[in-house]
Amino acid sequence: MRSSVPFLEPLLGGLWWTVGAIALSAGLGTVVLAAGIGVTGGLIVALRSRYGNGAPLPRGGRGRLIRIGFVVVVLCAAAGPLLGLVDLGELAVPVACAVTGFGLFPLASLLDDRTLLAAGGALLVLAATGALLALDSAGALLPQGVVGMAAGAVLWLAGAKRSGLLAEARTRRL
């Protein structure tokens, strides 16, 4: 069975991992970022060899996917400056994580897969945790680093689950 939009979660996971790695110091951040790029690349290569470009979306699906993506990108980009106006700029990454999580809910119905609902819920929990950490600590390590890297890992796992890579790995192990 071919998966529609098989590279969605790995690319989003790589993006969120990058957001988290930026909060680390230069040396460690570079190593962590390189590891994340490696995981993203490995997932994309594995998915490309199995699915090619993926199954076609249902009628009108491409437009809906683009609209959802556009709304998520605009809201995430607006979160930082708008929260900075009210002296809550440290909440930008947790809010962007929540927006990404909410964006996965309509994608679950579009792609007909409940894995995205679980990933969206996990991103909302990470966003709430990140907001609490941001309001209770100084610096970007906790709200940006932890939320970003954890969101990346959640999205990578969701992509591996949705595409069948986890099931394949489980059967090989047994």
N, C-alpha and C. Protein backbone atom coordinates (compact mmCIF):
# COMPACT_ATOMS: atom_id res chain seq x y z
N MET A 1 0.84 -1.19 0.00
CA MET A 1 0.00 0.00 0.00
C MET A 1 0.89 1.25 0.00
N ARG A 2 0.67 2.12 -0.96
CA ARG A 2 1.45 3.34 -1.06
C ARG A 2 0.86 4.41 -0.16
N SER A 3 1.71 5.19 0.41
CA SER A 3 1.31 6.25 1.32
C SER A 3 1.25 7.57 0.57
N SER A 4 0.23 8.36 0.83
CA SER A 4 0.15 9.71 0.26
C SER A 4 1.06 10.64 1.03
N VAL A 5 1.77 11.49 0.35
CA VAL A 5 2.66 12.48 0.94
C VAL A 5 3.59 11.80 1.96
N PRO A 6 4.39 10.83 1.53
CA PRO A 6 5.19 10.06 2.49
C PRO A 6 6.30 10.86 3.16
N PHE A 7 6.70 11.98 2.57
CA PHE A 7 7.82 12.75 3.13
C PHE A 7 7.38 13.83 4.09
N LEU A 8 6.09 13.96 4.35
CA LEU A 8 5.56 15.05 5.19
C LEU A 8 6.16 15.04 6.59
N GLU A 9 6.00 13.95 7.30
CA GLU A 9 6.48 13.91 8.68
C GLU A 9 8.00 13.96 8.79
N PRO A 10 8.76 13.23 7.95
CA PRO A 10 10.21 13.36 8.05
C PRO A 10 10.71 14.78 7.83
N LEU A 11 10.14 15.49 6.86
CA LEU A 11 10.57 16.87 6.62
C LEU A 11 10.17 17.79 7.76
N LEU A 12 8.95 17.63 8.27
CA LEU A 12 8.53 18.43 9.43
C LEU A 12 9.38 18.10 10.65
N GLY A 13 9.69 16.82 10.82
CA GLY A 13 10.54 16.41 11.93
C GLY A 13 11.92 17.02 11.84
N GLY A 14 12.48 17.04 10.62
CA GLY A 14 13.79 17.66 10.42
C GLY A 14 13.76 19.15 10.70
N LEU A 15 12.67 19.80 10.30
CA LEU A 15 12.52 21.23 10.56
C LEU A 15 12.45 21.50 12.06
N TRP A 16 11.65 20.72 12.77
CA TRP A 16 11.53 20.93 14.21
C TRP A 16 12.82 20.56 14.94
N TRP A 17 13.52 19.54 14.48
CA TRP A 17 14.80 19.18 15.09
C TRP A 17 15.77 20.34 14.94
N THR A 18 15.76 20.98 13.78
CA THR A 18 16.63 22.14 13.53
C THR A 18 16.30 23.28 14.50
N VAL A 19 15.02 23.52 14.70
CA VAL A 19 14.60 24.56 15.65
C VAL A 19 15.15 24.26 17.04
N GLY A 20 15.09 23.01 17.44
CA GLY A 20 15.61 22.63 18.76
C GLY A 20 17.12 22.71 18.84
N ALA A 21 17.81 22.30 17.77
CA ALA A 21 19.28 22.29 17.78
C ALA A 21 19.86 23.70 17.81
N ILE A 22 19.14 24.67 17.30
CA ILE A 22 19.61 26.05 17.30
C ILE A 22 19.78 26.58 18.72
N ALA A 23 19.01 26.05 19.66
CA ALA A 23 19.08 26.52 21.04
C ALA A 23 20.31 26.02 21.78
N LEU A 24 21.00 25.04 21.23
CA LEU A 24 22.18 24.48 21.88
C LEU A 24 23.42 25.31 21.58
N SER A 25 24.49 25.06 22.33
CA SER A 25 25.75 25.77 22.08
C SER A 25 26.29 25.37 20.71
N ALA A 26 27.22 26.17 20.20
CA ALA A 26 27.68 26.01 18.82
C ALA A 26 28.21 24.61 18.52
N GLY A 27 29.11 24.08 19.33
CA GLY A 27 29.70 22.78 19.05
C GLY A 27 28.70 21.64 19.14
N LEU A 28 28.02 21.57 20.28
CA LEU A 28 27.02 20.52 20.49
C LEU A 28 25.86 20.68 19.53
N GLY A 29 25.45 21.91 19.30
CA GLY A 29 24.34 22.17 18.38
C GLY A 29 24.63 21.68 16.97
N THR A 30 25.86 21.84 16.52
CA THR A 30 26.24 21.39 15.19
C THR A 30 26.16 19.87 15.08
N VAL A 31 26.65 19.18 16.10
CA VAL A 31 26.62 17.72 16.11
C VAL A 31 25.17 17.22 16.15
N VAL A 32 24.37 17.81 16.99
CA VAL A 32 22.97 17.40 17.12
C VAL A 32 22.21 17.70 15.82
N LEU A 33 22.49 18.85 15.22
CA LEU A 33 21.85 19.20 13.95
C LEU A 33 22.24 18.22 12.86
N ALA A 34 23.52 17.85 12.80
CA ALA A 34 23.98 16.90 11.79
C ALA A 34 23.30 15.54 11.99
N ALA A 35 23.14 15.11 13.23
CA ALA A 35 22.45 13.85 13.50
C ALA A 35 21.00 13.91 13.02
N GLY A 36 20.34 15.04 13.27
CA GLY A 36 18.96 15.20 12.82
C GLY A 36 18.83 15.22 11.31
N ILE A 37 19.77 15.86 10.64
CA ILE A 37 19.76 15.86 9.17
C ILE A 37 19.97 14.44 8.65
N GLY A 38 20.84 13.69 9.34
CA GLY A 38 21.07 12.30 8.95
C GLY A 38 19.82 11.44 9.09
N VAL A 39 19.10 11.60 10.20
CA VAL A 39 17.86 10.84 10.41
C VAL A 39 16.83 11.22 9.36
N THR A 40 16.69 12.51 9.11
CA THR A 40 15.73 12.96 8.11
C THR A 40 16.08 12.40 6.73
N GLY A 41 17.34 12.49 6.36
CA GLY A 41 17.78 11.96 5.08
C GLY A 41 17.58 10.46 4.98
N GLY A 42 17.89 9.74 6.05
CA GLY A 42 17.70 8.29 6.06
C GLY A 42 16.25 7.90 5.89
N LEU A 43 15.35 8.61 6.57
CA LEU A 43 13.93 8.32 6.42
C LEU A 43 13.44 8.62 5.01
N ILE A 44 13.89 9.72 4.45
CA ILE A 44 13.46 10.07 3.10
C ILE A 44 13.96 9.06 2.09
N VAL A 45 15.21 8.63 2.21
CA VAL A 45 15.75 7.62 1.30
C VAL A 45 14.97 6.31 1.43
N ALA A 46 14.69 5.89 2.66
CA ALA A 46 13.94 4.65 2.87
C ALA A 46 12.53 4.76 2.29
N LEU A 47 11.89 5.89 2.50
CA LEU A 47 10.53 6.07 1.98
C LEU A 47 10.52 6.19 0.46
N ARG A 48 11.50 6.87 -0.09
CA ARG A 48 11.57 7.04 -1.54
C ARG A 48 11.78 5.69 -2.23
N SER A 49 12.60 4.82 -1.64
CA SER A 49 12.82 3.51 -2.26
C SER A 49 11.57 2.64 -2.19
N ARG A 50 10.72 2.85 -1.19
CA ARG A 50 9.51 2.04 -1.06
C ARG A 50 8.31 2.62 -1.80
N TYR A 51 8.16 3.93 -1.78
CA TYR A 51 6.93 4.55 -2.28
C TYR A 51 7.13 5.49 -3.46
N GLY A 52 8.33 5.76 -3.85
CA GLY A 52 8.54 6.76 -4.89
C GLY A 52 8.07 8.11 -4.39
N ASN A 53 7.21 8.74 -5.14
CA ASN A 53 6.67 10.03 -4.72
C ASN A 53 5.37 9.88 -3.94
N GLY A 54 4.92 8.66 -3.73
CA GLY A 54 3.72 8.42 -2.94
C GLY A 54 2.48 8.28 -3.80
N ALA A 55 1.41 7.87 -3.17
CA ALA A 55 0.12 7.71 -3.84
C ALA A 55 -0.50 9.08 -4.10
N PRO A 56 -1.32 9.17 -5.13
CA PRO A 56 -1.97 10.47 -5.38
C PRO A 56 -2.97 10.80 -4.28
N LEU A 57 -3.12 12.07 -4.04
CA LEU A 57 -4.11 12.54 -3.07
C LEU A 57 -5.50 12.43 -3.67
N PRO A 58 -6.54 12.37 -2.83
CA PRO A 58 -7.90 12.36 -3.37
C PRO A 58 -8.20 13.68 -4.09
N ARG A 59 -9.27 13.68 -4.85
CA ARG A 59 -9.66 14.86 -5.62
C ARG A 59 -9.78 16.08 -4.69
N GLY A 60 -9.11 17.16 -5.04
CA GLY A 60 -9.11 18.38 -4.25
C GLY A 60 -8.14 18.34 -3.08
N GLY A 61 -7.45 17.23 -2.91
CA GLY A 61 -6.55 17.06 -1.78
C GLY A 61 -5.32 17.95 -1.84
N ARG A 62 -4.79 18.14 -3.04
CA ARG A 62 -3.59 18.97 -3.18
C ARG A 62 -3.86 20.40 -2.74
N GLY A 63 -4.98 20.95 -3.16
CA GLY A 63 -5.35 22.32 -2.77
C GLY A 63 -5.57 22.42 -1.26
N ARG A 64 -6.22 21.42 -0.70
CA ARG A 64 -6.45 21.43 0.75
C ARG A 64 -5.14 21.33 1.52
N LEU A 65 -4.22 20.48 1.03
CA LEU A 65 -2.91 20.35 1.66
C LEU A 65 -2.15 21.67 1.62
N ILE A 66 -2.19 22.34 0.50
CA ILE A 66 -1.51 23.64 0.37
C ILE A 66 -2.14 24.67 1.28
N ARG A 67 -3.46 24.71 1.37
CA ARG A 67 -4.13 25.67 2.26
C ARG A 67 -3.77 25.44 3.73
N ILE A 68 -3.78 24.19 4.13
CA ILE A 68 -3.43 23.87 5.52
C ILE A 68 -1.99 24.28 5.80
N GLY A 69 -1.09 23.94 4.89
CA GLY A 69 0.32 24.30 5.05
C GLY A 69 0.52 25.81 5.10
N PHE A 70 -0.19 26.54 4.24
CA PHE A 70 -0.08 28.00 4.21
C PHE A 70 -0.53 28.60 5.53
N VAL A 71 -1.66 28.15 6.05
CA VAL A 71 -2.17 28.70 7.31
C VAL A 71 -1.20 28.41 8.46
N VAL A 72 -0.67 27.19 8.50
CA VAL A 72 0.27 26.83 9.57
C VAL A 72 1.53 27.68 9.48
N VAL A 73 2.08 27.84 8.28
CA VAL A 73 3.31 28.63 8.12
C VAL A 73 3.08 30.08 8.51
N VAL A 74 1.97 30.67 8.08
CA VAL A 74 1.69 32.08 8.39
C VAL A 74 1.51 32.27 9.90
N LEU A 75 0.76 31.37 10.54
CA LEU A 75 0.54 31.51 11.98
C LEU A 75 1.84 31.31 12.76
N CYS A 76 2.66 30.36 12.33
CA CYS A 76 3.95 30.14 13.01
C CYS A 76 4.87 31.34 12.83
N ALA A 77 4.89 31.90 11.63
CA ALA A 77 5.75 33.06 11.38
C ALA A 77 5.27 34.29 12.13
N ALA A 78 3.97 34.42 12.32
CA ALA A 78 3.42 35.58 13.01
C ALA A 78 3.53 35.45 14.53
N ALA A 79 3.70 34.24 15.03
CA ALA A 79 3.70 34.02 16.48
C ALA A 79 4.81 34.80 17.18
N GLY A 80 6.02 34.73 16.65
CA GLY A 80 7.16 35.39 17.30
C GLY A 80 6.99 36.89 17.41
N PRO A 81 6.78 37.60 16.30
CA PRO A 81 6.64 39.05 16.39
C PRO A 81 5.43 39.50 17.22
N LEU A 82 4.30 38.80 17.08
CA LEU A 82 3.12 39.22 17.83
C LEU A 82 3.28 38.97 19.32
N LEU A 83 3.86 37.85 19.69
CA LEU A 83 4.10 37.60 21.11
C LEU A 83 5.18 38.51 21.66
N GLY A 84 6.14 38.91 20.82
CA GLY A 84 7.17 39.86 21.24
C GLY A 84 6.59 41.22 21.57
N LEU A 85 5.51 41.60 20.90
CA LEU A 85 4.87 42.89 21.17
C LEU A 85 4.29 42.97 22.58
N VAL A 86 3.89 41.83 23.13
CA VAL A 86 3.31 41.81 24.47
C VAL A 86 4.27 41.19 25.49
N ASP A 87 5.57 41.22 25.18
CA ASP A 87 6.63 40.72 26.06
C ASP A 87 6.48 39.24 26.42
N LEU A 88 6.00 38.46 25.48
CA LEU A 88 5.90 37.01 25.67
C LEU A 88 6.60 36.27 24.54
N GLY A 89 7.70 36.83 24.05
CA GLY A 89 8.42 36.24 22.94
C GLY A 89 8.96 34.85 23.22
N GLU A 90 9.18 34.52 24.49
CA GLU A 90 9.68 33.18 24.83
C GLU A 90 8.67 32.09 24.54
N LEU A 91 7.41 32.47 24.30
CA LEU A 91 6.37 31.49 23.98
C LEU A 91 6.24 31.22 22.48
N ALA A 92 7.08 31.84 21.66
CA ALA A 92 6.94 31.70 20.21
C ALA A 92 7.09 30.26 19.75
N VAL A 93 8.10 29.56 20.24
CA VAL A 93 8.32 28.16 19.81
C VAL A 93 7.21 27.25 20.32
N PRO A 94 6.81 27.33 21.60
CA PRO A 94 5.68 26.49 22.02
C PRO A 94 4.38 26.79 21.25
N VAL A 95 4.13 28.05 20.95
CA VAL A 95 2.92 28.38 20.19
C VAL A 95 3.01 27.82 18.77
N ALA A 96 4.18 27.93 18.15
CA ALA A 96 4.37 27.37 16.81
C ALA A 96 4.21 25.85 16.83
N CYS A 97 4.65 25.21 17.90
CA CYS A 97 4.48 23.77 18.04
C CYS A 97 2.99 23.42 18.15
N ALA A 98 2.25 24.22 18.90
CA ALA A 98 0.80 23.99 19.03
C ALA A 98 0.10 24.19 17.68
N VAL A 99 0.49 25.21 16.95
CA VAL A 99 -0.10 25.46 15.63
C VAL A 99 0.18 24.29 14.70
N THR A 100 1.41 23.77 14.75
CA THR A 100 1.76 22.60 13.93
C THR A 100 0.92 21.40 14.34
N GLY A 101 0.74 21.21 15.64
CA GLY A 101 -0.08 20.11 16.12
C GLY A 101 -1.52 20.23 15.66
N PHE A 102 -2.08 21.44 15.76
CA PHE A 102 -3.45 21.65 15.28
C PHE A 102 -3.54 21.43 13.77
N GLY A 103 -2.49 21.77 13.04
CA GLY A 103 -2.49 21.57 11.59
C GLY A 103 -2.49 20.10 11.19
N LEU A 104 -2.02 19.22 12.07
CA LEU A 104 -2.02 17.80 11.75
C LEU A 104 -3.42 17.19 11.81
N PHE A 105 -4.34 17.80 12.54
CA PHE A 105 -5.68 17.25 12.67
C PHE A 105 -6.43 17.22 11.33
N PRO A 106 -6.51 18.33 10.58
CA PRO A 106 -7.18 18.23 9.28
C PRO A 106 -6.40 17.36 8.29
N LEU A 107 -5.07 17.27 8.45
CA LEU A 107 -4.29 16.40 7.58
C LEU A 107 -4.64 14.93 7.83
N ALA A 108 -5.02 14.60 9.06
CA ALA A 108 -5.40 13.22 9.37
C ALA A 108 -6.61 12.79 8.56
N SER A 109 -7.58 13.69 8.42
CA SER A 109 -8.75 13.34 7.62
C SER A 109 -8.42 13.35 6.12
N LEU A 110 -7.56 14.25 5.71
CA LEU A 110 -7.17 14.30 4.29
C LEU A 110 -6.42 13.05 3.88
N LEU A 111 -5.48 12.60 4.71
CA LEU A 111 -4.66 11.43 4.39
C LEU A 111 -5.26 10.13 4.93
N ASP A 112 -6.38 10.23 5.65
CA ASP A 112 -7.10 9.09 6.19
C ASP A 112 -6.19 8.21 7.05
N ASP A 113 -5.54 8.84 8.02
CA ASP A 113 -4.65 8.11 8.91
C ASP A 113 -4.68 8.73 10.30
N ARG A 114 -5.00 7.91 11.29
CA ARG A 114 -5.12 8.40 12.66
C ARG A 114 -3.78 8.64 13.34
N THR A 115 -2.70 8.18 12.74
CA THR A 115 -1.38 8.43 13.31
C THR A 115 -1.13 9.93 13.45
N LEU A 116 -1.63 10.69 12.51
CA LEU A 116 -1.45 12.14 12.56
C LEU A 116 -2.23 12.77 13.71
N LEU A 117 -3.34 12.17 14.11
CA LEU A 117 -4.08 12.67 15.27
C LEU A 117 -3.25 12.49 16.54
N ALA A 118 -2.63 11.33 16.66
CA ALA A 118 -1.78 11.08 17.84
C ALA A 118 -0.58 12.02 17.85
N ALA A 119 0.04 12.22 16.68
CA ALA A 119 1.18 13.13 16.60
C ALA A 119 0.76 14.55 16.92
N GLY A 120 -0.39 14.98 16.42
CA GLY A 120 -0.89 16.32 16.72
C GLY A 120 -1.15 16.50 18.21
N GLY A 121 -1.74 15.49 18.84
CA GLY A 121 -1.97 15.55 20.28
C GLY A 121 -0.67 15.62 21.06
N ALA A 122 0.31 14.83 20.63
CA ALA A 122 1.62 14.85 21.31
C ALA A 122 2.28 16.22 21.16
N LEU A 123 2.15 16.84 19.99
CA LEU A 123 2.72 18.18 19.79
C LEU A 123 2.02 19.21 20.68
N LEU A 124 0.72 19.05 20.89
CA LEU A 124 0.01 19.97 21.78
C LEU A 124 0.49 19.81 23.23
N VAL A 125 0.74 18.58 23.65
CA VAL A 125 1.27 18.35 25.00
C VAL A 125 2.67 18.95 25.12
N LEU A 126 3.49 18.76 24.09
CA LEU A 126 4.83 19.37 24.09
C LEU A 126 4.74 20.89 24.14
N ALA A 127 3.80 21.46 23.41
CA ALA A 127 3.64 22.91 23.40
C ALA A 127 3.25 23.43 24.78
N ALA A 128 2.33 22.74 25.43
CA ALA A 128 1.93 23.16 26.78
C ALA A 128 3.09 23.03 27.76
N THR A 129 3.84 21.94 27.66
CA THR A 129 5.01 21.75 28.52
C THR A 129 6.05 22.83 28.24
N GLY A 130 6.29 23.12 26.96
CA GLY A 130 7.25 24.16 26.58
C GLY A 130 6.83 25.53 27.07
N ALA A 131 5.53 25.82 27.05
CA ALA A 131 5.06 27.10 27.54
C ALA A 131 5.30 27.22 29.05
N LEU A 132 5.05 26.14 29.77
CA LEU A 132 5.32 26.17 31.21
C LEU A 132 6.81 26.36 31.48
N LEU A 133 7.64 25.66 30.72
CA LEU A 133 9.09 25.81 30.88
C LEU A 133 9.55 27.22 30.52
N ALA A 134 8.97 27.78 29.47
CA ALA A 134 9.37 29.12 29.04
C ALA A 134 9.03 30.17 30.07
N LEU A 135 7.87 30.02 30.70
CA LEU A 135 7.45 31.01 31.69
C LEU A 135 8.15 30.83 33.03
N ASP A 136 8.77 29.65 33.24
CA ASP A 136 9.38 29.36 34.52
C ASP A 136 10.91 29.39 34.48
N SER A 137 11.51 29.61 33.31
CA SER A 137 12.97 29.56 33.22
C SER A 137 13.49 30.69 32.34
N ALA A 138 14.79 30.90 32.44
CA ALA A 138 15.44 31.89 31.59
C ALA A 138 16.18 31.16 30.47
N GLY A 139 16.26 31.78 29.32
CA GLY A 139 16.99 31.19 28.21
C GLY A 139 16.09 30.40 27.28
N ALA A 140 16.69 29.99 26.17
CA ALA A 140 15.92 29.31 25.13
C ALA A 140 16.11 27.81 25.14
N LEU A 141 17.00 27.29 25.97
CA LEU A 141 17.30 25.87 25.92
C LEU A 141 16.06 25.01 26.20
N LEU A 142 15.35 25.29 27.26
CA LEU A 142 14.20 24.46 27.60
C LEU A 142 13.03 24.67 26.65
N PRO A 143 12.52 25.90 26.48
CA PRO A 143 11.34 26.02 25.63
C PRO A 143 11.62 25.76 24.15
N GLN A 144 12.79 26.11 23.67
CA GLN A 144 13.08 25.93 22.25
C GLN A 144 13.78 24.60 21.99
N GLY A 145 14.81 24.30 22.76
CA GLY A 145 15.59 23.09 22.52
C GLY A 145 14.80 21.82 22.78
N VAL A 146 14.20 21.72 23.95
CA VAL A 146 13.46 20.52 24.30
C VAL A 146 12.23 20.35 23.42
N VAL A 147 11.46 21.42 23.26
CA VAL A 147 10.25 21.33 22.44
C VAL A 147 10.61 21.01 20.99
N GLY A 148 11.61 21.67 20.44
CA GLY A 148 11.97 21.45 19.05
C GLY A 148 12.45 20.04 18.78
N MET A 149 13.37 19.55 19.59
CA MET A 149 13.90 18.21 19.35
C MET A 149 12.88 17.13 19.66
N ALA A 150 12.08 17.31 20.69
CA ALA A 150 11.04 16.33 21.00
C ALA A 150 9.97 16.31 19.91
N ALA A 151 9.59 17.48 19.40
CA ALA A 151 8.62 17.53 18.30
C ALA A 151 9.18 16.85 17.06
N GLY A 152 10.46 17.06 16.78
CA GLY A 152 11.08 16.38 15.65
C GLY A 152 11.03 14.88 15.79
N ALA A 153 11.36 14.37 16.99
CA ALA A 153 11.33 12.93 17.22
C ALA A 153 9.91 12.37 17.09
N VAL A 154 8.92 13.09 17.60
CA VAL A 154 7.52 12.66 17.49
C VAL A 154 7.12 12.57 16.02
N LEU A 155 7.48 13.58 15.25
CA LEU A 155 7.10 13.59 13.84
C LEU A 155 7.82 12.50 13.05
N TRP A 156 9.10 12.24 13.36
CA TRP A 156 9.80 11.15 12.69
C TRP A 156 9.14 9.81 12.99
N LEU A 157 8.78 9.59 14.26
CA LEU A 157 8.11 8.34 14.63
C LEU A 157 6.75 8.21 13.96
N ALA A 158 6.02 9.31 13.88
CA ALA A 158 4.71 9.29 13.22
C ALA A 158 4.86 8.95 11.74
N GLY A 159 5.87 9.51 11.10
CA GLY A 159 6.11 9.20 9.69
C GLY A 159 6.50 7.75 9.48
N ALA A 160 7.33 7.23 10.37
CA ALA A 160 7.73 5.82 10.26
C ALA A 160 6.54 4.90 10.51
N LYS A 161 5.67 5.28 11.42
CA LYS A 161 4.47 4.48 11.70
C LYS A 161 3.50 4.54 10.53
N ARG A 162 3.22 5.75 10.04
CA ARG A 162 2.24 5.92 8.97
C ARG A 162 2.68 5.23 7.69
N SER A 163 3.97 5.22 7.43
CA SER A 163 4.46 4.65 6.18
C SER A 163 4.71 3.15 6.27
N GLY A 164 4.65 2.59 7.46
CA GLY A 164 4.87 1.16 7.62
C GLY A 164 6.30 0.78 7.94
N LEU A 165 7.20 1.75 8.08
CA LEU A 165 8.59 1.43 8.39
C LEU A 165 8.73 0.79 9.77
N LEU A 166 7.94 1.24 10.74
CA LEU A 166 8.01 0.64 12.08
C LEU A 166 7.53 -0.80 12.07
N ALA A 167 6.44 -1.07 11.35
CA ALA A 167 5.93 -2.44 11.27
C ALA A 167 6.94 -3.35 10.58
N GLU A 168 7.58 -2.85 9.55
CA GLU A 168 8.60 -3.62 8.85
C GLU A 168 9.79 -3.91 9.75
N ALA A 169 10.22 -2.92 10.52
CA ALA A 169 11.33 -3.11 11.44
C ALA A 169 10.96 -4.11 12.53
N ARG A 170 9.73 -4.07 12.98
CA ARG A 170 9.27 -4.99 14.01
C ARG A 170 9.25 -6.43 13.49
N THR A 171 8.81 -6.65 12.26
CA THR A 171 8.77 -8.00 11.71
C THR A 171 10.19 -8.52 11.43
N ARG A 172 11.10 -7.65 11.05
CA ARG A 172 12.49 -8.08 10.83
C ARG A 172 13.14 -8.49 12.13
N ARG A 173 12.79 -7.84 13.20
CA ARG A 173 13.39 -8.13 14.51
C ARG A 173 12.93 -9.48 15.04
N LEU A 174 11.71 -9.85 14.73
CA LEU A 174 11.17 -11.11 15.26
C LEU A 174 11.64 -12.23 14.44
